[in-house]
Amino acid sequence: NPSQKATLNVARAEYYLSKGRTELAAKYLAQCPSSIMPFADTSARLALPMLGMEEGNSIKANESLANSNMALITFLTDKMKSAKLKNDTVICTMLGSWLAELHLHE
């Protein structure tokens, strides 16, 4: 059942975020449908701690997210893979640009 899988992915993502395992959490967040975890909210949640703004995460998650963009890179990469499977070139181009910028700063 897709709704059960989505709920399980959210629970796993939140668990791994609470433990500071942000890259693994990002993989689960990328699998969640945007109706449950909107893209803009999720990407902001992963990006803002790097800018010194806490965004509703645990202390461990914020510490991990503040030190590296790898969770955001993981999230965007998985979203790009999904868009590529759907042949969505516009989304792939936008995510690719953002990823290139993040890799330059990592």
Protein backbone atom coordinates (compact mmCIF):
# COMPACT_ATOMS: atom_id res chain seq x y z
CA ASN A 1 0.00 0.00 0.00
CA PRO A 2 1.62 3.31 -1.08
CA SER A 3 0.25 5.35 1.84
CA GLN A 4 1.66 2.87 4.36
CA LYS A 5 5.03 2.94 2.60
CA ALA A 6 5.02 6.76 2.66
CA THR A 7 4.16 6.81 6.37
CA LEU A 8 6.93 4.32 7.08
CA ASN A 9 9.44 6.40 5.10
CA VAL A 10 8.49 9.53 7.08
CA ALA A 11 8.89 7.64 10.36
CA ARG A 12 12.28 6.29 9.30
CA ALA A 13 13.43 9.73 8.14
CA GLU A 14 12.39 11.35 11.42
CA TYR A 15 14.10 8.60 13.41
CA TYR A 16 17.38 8.97 11.55
CA LEU A 17 17.20 12.76 11.77
CA SER A 18 16.75 12.50 15.54
CA LYS A 19 19.91 10.35 15.69
CA GLY A 20 21.92 12.79 13.55
CA ARG A 21 22.17 10.37 10.61
CA THR A 22 21.08 13.04 8.19
CA GLU A 23 22.23 11.49 4.90
CA LEU A 24 20.25 8.32 5.55
CA ALA A 25 17.27 10.41 6.65
CA ALA A 26 17.55 12.40 3.42
CA LYS A 27 17.27 9.20 1.37
CA TYR A 28 13.99 8.38 3.12
CA LEU A 29 12.75 11.96 2.80
CA ALA A 30 13.36 11.84 -0.95
CA GLN A 31 11.09 8.79 -1.21
CA CYS A 32 8.18 10.57 0.48
CA PRO A 33 5.47 12.01 -1.77
CA SER A 34 5.25 15.79 -1.84
CA SER A 35 1.73 15.62 -0.40
CA ILE A 36 3.27 14.40 2.88
CA MET A 37 6.70 16.06 2.77
CA PRO A 38 6.56 19.06 0.41
CA PHE A 39 9.79 19.60 -1.54
CA ALA A 40 10.21 23.24 -0.48
CA ASP A 41 9.72 22.46 3.22
CA THR A 42 12.01 19.45 3.15
CA SER A 43 14.82 21.16 1.26
CA ALA A 44 14.59 24.19 3.57
CA ARG A 45 14.70 21.90 6.59
CA LEU A 46 17.92 20.35 5.28
CA ALA A 47 19.50 23.61 4.09
CA LEU A 48 18.77 26.19 6.79
CA PRO A 49 20.93 24.72 9.60
CA MET A 50 23.98 25.27 7.34
CA LEU A 51 23.03 28.95 7.32
CA GLY A 52 22.75 29.06 11.11
CA MET A 53 18.96 28.82 11.17
CA GLU A 54 17.44 25.91 13.05
CA GLU A 55 14.46 24.41 11.27
CA GLY A 56 12.51 22.07 13.57
CA ASN A 57 15.15 19.35 13.77
CA SER A 58 16.69 17.62 16.75
CA ILE A 59 19.90 18.98 18.24
CA LYS A 60 21.91 16.12 16.68
CA ALA A 61 20.33 16.72 13.28
CA ASN A 62 21.00 20.46 13.42
CA GLU A 63 24.64 19.83 14.41
CA SER A 64 25.11 17.43 11.51
CA LEU A 65 23.27 19.65 9.02
CA ALA A 66 25.19 22.74 10.14
CA ASN A 67 28.52 21.09 9.30
CA SER A 68 27.80 19.70 5.85
CA ASN A 69 25.50 19.97 2.85
CA MET A 70 25.72 16.23 2.19
CA ALA A 71 22.18 15.50 3.44
CA LEU A 72 20.77 18.15 1.11
CA ILE A 73 22.95 16.84 -1.73
CA THR A 74 21.68 13.30 -1.05
CA PHE A 75 18.05 14.49 -1.00
CA LEU A 76 18.40 16.46 -4.24
CA THR A 77 20.31 13.65 -5.97
CA ASP A 78 17.57 11.14 -5.15
CA LYS A 79 14.89 13.60 -6.31
CA MET A 80 16.84 14.10 -9.54
CA LYS A 81 17.02 10.33 -10.10
CA SER A 82 13.26 10.15 -9.69
CA ALA A 83 12.73 13.03 -12.13
CA LYS A 84 15.08 11.40 -14.64
CA LEU A 85 13.01 8.21 -14.56
CA LYS A 86 9.98 10.33 -15.45
CA ASN A 87 11.94 12.10 -18.24
CA ASP A 88 11.30 15.45 -16.56
CA THR A 89 14.11 17.50 -18.08
CA VAL A 90 13.05 20.79 -16.47
CA ILE A 91 13.26 19.38 -12.94
CA CYS A 92 16.52 17.60 -13.77
CA THR A 93 18.04 20.85 -15.04
CA MET A 94 17.00 22.83 -11.96
CA LEU A 95 18.17 20.17 -9.52
CA GLY A 96 21.40 19.67 -11.47
CA SER A 97 22.17 23.39 -11.22
CA TRP A 98 21.51 23.41 -7.50
CA LEU A 99 23.62 20.29 -7.00
CA ALA A 100 26.52 21.75 -8.96
CA GLU A 101 26.46 24.82 -6.72
CA LEU A 102 26.32 22.70 -3.55
CA HIS A 103 29.22 20.51 -4.70
CA LEU A 104 31.32 23.60 -5.36
CA HIS A 105 30.75 24.71 -1.76
CA GLU A 106 31.14 21.29 -0.09
